[in-house]
Amino acid sequence: MRYTISSSRRLLRYRRRRAERSSGTPVANCFSTTRCRWSPSGARRAARRTTSGTSDEEHGMQENLDADYFNRFGADYLPGLLGVVVKQVEKNHVLAELTIRQAVLAHGILHAGTIVSLADTACGYGCLASLPEGASSFSTLELKSNFMGTARDGVIVCDARAIHSGRTTQVWDATVRHRETDKLLATFRCTQMILWPTK
């Protein structure tokens, strides 16, 4: 999972709309097509450059990478297609869920790729929300899953937590459970490489 130019533009559009709602005044378009990898600090700097020196706080542009933001962020991509709903985002911790439906089944049971995608999404969003200051993005280096069970209906819930948060890599563990029975369906681990702006 990696977010670059197109997702950066969506982030900046979202931040601009929030700023306009908060301040009641239009905020200049803060798109940039150069060095446009996603980063919270980069988005703030781009906004500052196009708002005549006004501060982030004056335009309500606070770094609020909450569940609402990530649900909007993923709506037009794979998480939205699968129906992933982010419920909670904290530093080094994300909760997300997915309602089982026919489209995510294989031969009448939950497709393994659905579970992996839910866990990978939760860990990826957690990594974005926990990037070191100045980092531009991340790229998944490795992932692994073990399956203990399956489900045919109901809701599956992913609990993702960082077990290592460094300046070069992050390692995330996740569990996926069937909400109605609390049955453990899978465990998941991924390693993320932290990306930094190139000079």
Protein backbone atom coordinates (compact mmCIF):
# COMPACT_ATOMS: atom_id res chain seq x y z
CA MET A 1 0.00 0.00 0.00
CA ARG A 2 1.46 3.38 -1.04
CA TYR A 3 -0.09 6.81 -1.38
CA THR A 4 1.37 9.40 -3.74
CA ILE A 5 0.11 12.19 -6.03
CA SER A 6 -3.57 11.36 -6.49
CA SER A 7 -4.17 10.57 -2.83
CA SER A 8 -2.27 13.71 -1.81
CA ARG A 9 -4.67 15.77 -3.89
CA ARG A 10 -7.64 14.13 -2.18
CA LEU A 11 -6.10 14.89 1.20
CA LEU A 12 -5.57 18.54 0.31
CA ARG A 13 -9.12 18.85 -1.06
CA TYR A 14 -10.46 17.39 2.16
CA ARG A 15 -8.34 19.71 4.30
CA ARG A 16 -9.39 22.74 2.23
CA ARG A 17 -13.09 21.89 2.58
CA ARG A 18 -12.70 21.51 6.33
CA ALA A 19 -10.89 24.82 6.52
CA GLU A 20 -13.61 26.58 4.55
CA ARG A 21 -16.33 25.13 6.76
CA SER A 22 -14.44 26.16 9.87
CA SER A 23 -13.51 29.71 8.82
CA GLY A 24 -16.46 30.54 6.56
CA THR A 25 -14.07 31.86 3.89
CA PRO A 26 -12.69 30.12 0.79
CA VAL A 27 -9.18 28.75 1.07
CA ALA A 28 -6.90 28.87 -1.96
CA ASN A 29 -6.28 25.70 -3.91
CA CYS A 30 -3.27 24.06 -2.29
CA PHE A 31 -2.51 21.41 -4.89
CA SER A 32 1.10 20.86 -5.82
CA THR A 33 2.30 18.53 -8.55
CA THR A 34 5.91 18.53 -7.37
CA ARG A 35 7.08 16.36 -4.50
CA CYS A 36 3.46 15.57 -3.81
CA ARG A 37 3.74 12.50 -1.65
CA TRP A 38 1.27 12.41 1.20
CA SER A 39 2.40 13.66 4.59
CA PRO A 40 0.62 15.53 7.37
CA SER A 41 3.42 18.09 7.70
CA GLY A 42 3.67 18.48 3.91
CA ALA A 43 -0.06 19.12 3.62
CA ARG A 44 0.16 21.78 6.30
CA ARG A 45 3.12 23.46 4.60
CA ALA A 46 1.33 23.46 1.23
CA ALA A 47 -1.71 25.02 2.84
CA ARG A 48 0.40 27.72 4.49
CA ARG A 49 2.10 28.62 1.19
CA THR A 50 -1.25 29.32 -0.47
CA THR A 51 -3.05 31.15 2.31
CA SER A 52 -0.87 34.29 2.51
CA GLY A 53 0.99 33.19 5.60
CA THR A 54 -2.03 32.48 7.77
CA SER A 55 -1.59 29.72 10.28
CA ASP A 56 -3.13 26.24 10.17
CA GLU A 57 -5.11 26.96 13.32
CA GLU A 58 -6.64 30.10 11.80
CA HIS A 59 -8.12 27.96 9.02
CA GLY A 60 -9.00 25.00 11.24
CA MET A 61 -6.32 22.87 9.53
CA GLN A 62 -5.40 20.74 12.47
CA GLU A 63 -3.87 17.33 11.99
CA ASN A 64 -7.00 15.33 12.69
CA LEU A 65 -6.44 11.98 11.01
CA ASP A 66 -9.46 10.39 12.62
CA ALA A 67 -11.82 7.60 11.56
CA ASP A 68 -14.01 10.02 9.61
CA TYR A 69 -11.05 11.22 7.57
CA PHE A 70 -9.87 7.71 6.66
CA ASN A 71 -13.39 6.58 5.74
CA ARG A 72 -13.59 9.49 3.30
CA PHE A 73 -10.03 8.87 2.14
CA GLY A 74 -10.69 5.24 1.20
CA ALA A 75 -14.21 5.62 -0.17
CA ASP A 76 -13.18 5.54 -3.85
CA TYR A 77 -10.53 2.85 -3.45
CA LEU A 78 -10.32 -0.80 -2.38
CA PRO A 79 -11.38 -0.17 1.25
CA GLY A 80 -14.57 1.51 0.03
CA LEU A 81 -15.21 -1.23 -2.52
CA LEU A 82 -14.95 -3.91 0.16
CA GLY A 83 -16.99 -1.93 2.66
CA VAL A 84 -14.24 -1.35 5.23
CA VAL A 85 -15.40 1.02 7.97
CA VAL A 86 -12.77 2.56 10.25
CA LYS A 87 -14.14 2.89 13.78
CA GLN A 88 -11.21 4.27 15.74
CA VAL A 89 -7.78 5.74 14.95
CA GLU A 90 -5.17 6.48 17.58
CA LYS A 91 -1.40 6.65 17.41
CA ASN A 92 -0.24 3.05 16.97
CA HIS A 93 -3.78 1.62 17.12
CA VAL A 94 -6.67 1.25 14.64
CA LEU A 95 -10.04 -0.52 14.85
CA ALA A 96 -11.90 -1.31 11.61
CA GLU A 97 -14.73 -3.59 10.55
CA LEU A 98 -16.43 -5.04 7.50
CA THR A 99 -19.93 -6.43 7.03
CA ILE A 100 -19.92 -9.80 5.27
CA ARG A 101 -21.97 -9.92 2.07
CA GLN A 102 -22.11 -12.11 -1.03
CA ALA A 103 -19.47 -10.10 -2.90
CA VAL A 104 -16.72 -10.91 -0.36
CA LEU A 105 -17.43 -14.66 -0.16
CA ALA A 106 -15.90 -17.56 -2.05
CA HIS A 107 -17.87 -20.83 -2.27
CA GLY A 108 -20.18 -19.58 0.46
CA ILE A 109 -17.49 -18.68 3.01
CA LEU A 110 -15.42 -15.57 3.62
CA HIS A 111 -12.70 -15.07 1.00
CA ALA A 112 -9.25 -15.06 2.62
CA GLY A 113 -8.32 -11.99 0.60
CA THR A 114 -11.13 -10.07 2.28
CA ILE A 115 -9.58 -10.69 5.69
CA VAL A 116 -6.10 -9.77 4.46
CA SER A 117 -7.38 -6.59 2.83
CA LEU A 118 -9.19 -5.51 6.00
CA ALA A 119 -6.10 -6.11 8.13
CA ASP A 120 -3.73 -4.49 5.63
CA THR A 121 -5.99 -1.44 5.37
CA ALA A 122 -6.15 -1.02 9.15
CA CYS A 123 -2.38 -1.36 9.50
CA GLY A 124 -1.75 0.98 6.56
CA TYR A 125 -4.00 3.69 7.96
CA GLY A 126 -2.35 3.26 11.34
CA CYS A 127 1.06 3.69 9.77
CA LEU A 128 -0.06 6.89 8.03
CA ALA A 129 -1.44 8.26 11.28
CA SER A 130 1.80 7.40 13.09
CA LEU A 131 4.43 8.56 10.58
CA PRO A 132 7.52 10.23 12.08
CA GLU A 133 7.62 14.00 11.66
CA GLY A 134 8.88 14.85 8.18
CA ALA A 135 8.23 11.42 6.64
CA SER A 136 6.40 11.52 3.31
CA SER A 137 4.70 8.11 3.08
CA PHE A 138 5.32 4.38 3.47
CA SER A 139 5.50 1.20 1.41
CA THR A 140 4.67 -2.32 2.56
CA LEU A 141 7.75 -4.55 2.61
CA GLU A 142 6.23 -7.79 3.87
CA LEU A 143 2.99 -9.24 5.17
CA LYS A 144 1.91 -12.58 6.56
CA SER A 145 -1.38 -14.02 7.77
CA ASN A 146 -2.50 -17.17 9.56
CA PHE A 147 -6.11 -18.32 9.34
CA MET A 148 -7.86 -20.10 12.20
CA GLY A 149 -11.47 -19.90 11.07
CA THR A 150 -13.98 -18.42 8.67
CA ALA A 151 -17.49 -16.96 8.63
CA ARG A 152 -20.52 -16.80 6.34
CA ASP A 153 -22.33 -13.72 7.63
CA GLY A 154 -22.19 -11.02 10.27
CA VAL A 155 -19.38 -8.52 10.84
CA ILE A 156 -15.64 -9.06 11.07
CA VAL A 157 -13.58 -6.73 13.25
CA CYS A 158 -9.87 -5.92 12.93
CA ASP A 159 -7.76 -4.70 15.85
CA ALA A 160 -4.41 -3.40 14.53
CA ARG A 161 -1.53 -2.30 16.75
CA ALA A 162 2.02 -1.15 16.10
CA ILE A 163 4.63 -3.27 17.84
CA HIS A 164 7.57 -1.29 16.43
CA SER A 165 7.55 2.36 15.32
CA GLY A 166 10.94 3.44 14.04
CA ARG A 167 12.22 6.05 11.61
CA THR A 168 12.95 3.47 8.91
CA THR A 169 10.31 0.79 9.52
CA GLN A 170 7.10 0.08 11.39
CA VAL A 171 5.83 -3.39 12.27
CA TRP A 172 2.09 -3.89 12.82
CA ASP A 173 0.17 -6.84 14.22
CA ALA A 174 -3.57 -7.33 13.72
CA THR A 175 -6.24 -9.81 14.73
CA VAL A 176 -9.50 -10.34 12.85
CA ARG A 177 -12.50 -11.70 14.75
CA HIS A 178 -16.14 -12.49 14.03
CA ARG A 179 -18.01 -9.90 16.07
CA GLU A 180 -21.11 -11.98 16.80
CA THR A 181 -19.21 -15.00 18.16
CA ASP A 182 -15.85 -13.41 19.10
CA LYS A 183 -14.24 -16.25 17.13
CA LEU A 184 -10.64 -15.57 16.07
CA LEU A 185 -10.47 -15.82 12.28
CA ALA A 186 -6.93 -14.69 11.54
CA THR A 187 -3.75 -13.08 12.76
CA PHE A 188 -1.77 -10.72 10.54
CA ARG A 189 1.63 -9.02 10.59
CA CYS A 190 3.15 -6.52 8.18
CA THR A 191 6.36 -4.51 7.94
CA GLN A 192 6.23 -0.98 6.50
CA MET A 193 9.20 0.94 5.13
CA ILE A 194 9.03 4.64 6.00
CA LEU A 195 9.60 6.92 2.99
CA TRP A 196 11.26 10.32 3.23
CA PRO A 197 11.24 13.26 0.78
CA THR A 198 13.96 13.13 -1.85
CA LYS A 199 16.16 16.19 -2.25
